[in-house]
Amino acid sequence: EGHAYGFDGRFLARIDIEKGERQWKGGRYGSGQLMLLADQAVLLVTTEKSELVLVKASPDGFSELAKMPAIEGKTWNHPVLVDNLLLVRNGEEMAAYPLASTGG
């Protein structure tokens, strides 16, 4: 839809693709990873501190919806979503979180 989300240093940012300009940045997540849950307009972020964060995927501004610890220690691994199961891991441990179905 004309914009992209990613990390600008240690912050999450939204870029206007046509203009090549950053529109907003927020949420200090370290060397985190993210995935877009497009059907829900939500970004699922795993932080360097092993937290799971839900951020509204909106061009209008940064809005953190929820945050929780996922595993102990640091992680730089990308989260994986298999059906409705979210997998998060680091070099020492892994956790699996069942996600509610959106009914779609």
Protein backbone atom coordinates (compact mmCIF):
# COMPACT_ATOMS: atom_id res chain seq x y z
CA GLU A 1 0.00 0.00 0.00
CA GLY A 2 2.86 2.38 -0.73
CA HIS A 3 4.80 2.01 2.49
CA ALA A 4 7.28 -0.37 4.14
CA TYR A 5 8.18 -1.16 7.74
CA GLY A 6 11.60 -2.08 9.06
CA PHE A 7 14.34 -1.13 11.47
CA ASP A 8 16.10 2.24 11.38
CA GLY A 9 18.96 1.45 13.70
CA ARG A 10 17.31 0.13 16.86
CA PHE A 11 13.91 1.75 16.16
CA LEU A 12 10.96 0.51 14.13
CA ALA A 13 10.18 2.83 11.21
CA ARG A 14 7.69 3.36 8.39
CA ILE A 15 8.97 4.50 4.99
CA ASP A 16 6.93 6.05 2.18
CA ILE A 17 8.12 4.00 -0.80
CA GLU A 18 7.24 6.58 -3.47
CA LYS A 19 8.94 9.49 -1.70
CA GLY A 20 11.71 7.44 -0.08
CA GLU A 21 11.13 9.28 3.19
CA ARG A 22 10.70 8.06 6.73
CA GLN A 23 7.21 8.92 7.97
CA TRP A 24 7.58 7.81 11.59
CA LYS A 25 9.77 5.82 13.94
CA GLY A 26 9.22 4.49 17.43
CA GLY A 27 9.72 1.58 19.78
CA ARG A 28 13.30 0.94 20.78
CA TYR A 29 13.63 -2.81 20.06
CA GLY A 30 17.37 -3.29 19.59
CA SER A 31 18.43 -5.70 16.85
CA GLY A 32 14.92 -7.10 16.53
CA GLN A 33 13.03 -8.86 13.78
CA LEU A 34 9.51 -8.37 12.49
CA MET A 35 6.81 -9.89 10.35
CA LEU A 36 3.65 -8.37 8.95
CA LEU A 37 0.37 -10.06 9.80
CA ALA A 38 -1.33 -8.43 6.82
CA ASP A 39 -4.80 -9.82 7.44
CA GLN A 40 -4.80 -8.06 10.83
CA ALA A 41 -2.73 -4.96 9.88
CA VAL A 42 -0.33 -5.78 12.71
CA LEU A 43 3.45 -6.05 12.90
CA LEU A 44 4.74 -8.85 15.12
CA VAL A 45 8.12 -7.78 16.51
CA THR A 46 10.62 -9.88 18.42
CA THR A 47 13.00 -7.63 20.32
CA GLU A 48 16.66 -8.21 21.06
CA LYS A 49 15.58 -8.66 24.70
CA SER A 50 13.32 -11.57 23.64
CA GLU A 51 10.01 -9.77 23.99
CA LEU A 52 7.04 -10.15 21.64
CA VAL A 53 5.47 -6.85 20.62
CA LEU A 54 2.40 -6.14 18.51
CA VAL A 55 2.51 -2.82 16.64
CA LYS A 56 -0.30 -1.42 14.54
CA ALA A 57 0.72 -1.48 10.85
CA SER A 58 -0.49 2.02 10.11
CA PRO A 59 0.96 4.78 7.94
CA ASP A 60 -0.51 7.33 10.38
CA GLY A 61 1.93 6.78 13.24
CA PHE A 62 3.56 4.39 15.68
CA SER A 63 1.15 2.57 18.02
CA GLU A 64 2.29 -0.29 20.25
CA LEU A 65 -0.68 -2.56 20.97
CA ALA A 66 0.83 -5.17 23.33
CA LYS A 67 4.15 -6.38 24.74
CA MET A 68 5.17 -9.52 26.67
CA PRO A 69 8.32 -11.48 27.51
CA ALA A 70 8.74 -14.47 25.19
CA ILE A 71 11.90 -16.31 26.31
CA GLU A 72 14.95 -15.63 28.51
CA GLY A 73 18.08 -13.92 27.23
CA LYS A 74 18.73 -12.26 23.89
CA THR A 75 17.56 -13.34 20.47
CA TRP A 76 18.32 -12.13 16.98
CA ASN A 77 16.34 -14.94 15.34
CA HIS A 78 13.35 -14.26 13.16
CA PRO A 79 9.98 -15.43 14.54
CA VAL A 80 8.24 -18.19 12.61
CA LEU A 81 4.50 -18.60 12.15
CA VAL A 82 3.20 -22.05 11.19
CA ASP A 83 -0.58 -22.09 10.88
CA ASN A 84 -1.61 -20.56 14.23
CA LEU A 85 1.61 -21.45 16.11
CA LEU A 86 4.24 -18.76 16.72
CA LEU A 87 7.78 -20.06 17.31
CA VAL A 88 10.47 -17.94 19.00
CA ARG A 89 13.99 -19.13 19.79
CA ASN A 90 17.54 -18.20 20.72
CA GLY A 91 20.70 -20.27 21.22
CA GLU A 92 19.45 -21.70 24.52
CA GLU A 93 15.69 -22.17 24.36
CA MET A 94 12.56 -22.07 22.25
CA ALA A 95 8.91 -21.26 22.95
CA ALA A 96 5.74 -21.97 21.01
CA TYR A 97 2.66 -19.75 21.37
CA PRO A 98 -0.72 -20.74 19.96
CA LEU A 99 -2.44 -17.75 18.36
CA ALA A 100 -6.16 -17.24 18.09
CA SER A 101 -7.61 -17.77 14.64
CA THR A 102 -9.02 -14.70 12.90
CA GLY A 103 -11.75 -16.85 11.37
CA GLY A 104 -10.58 -16.10 7.83
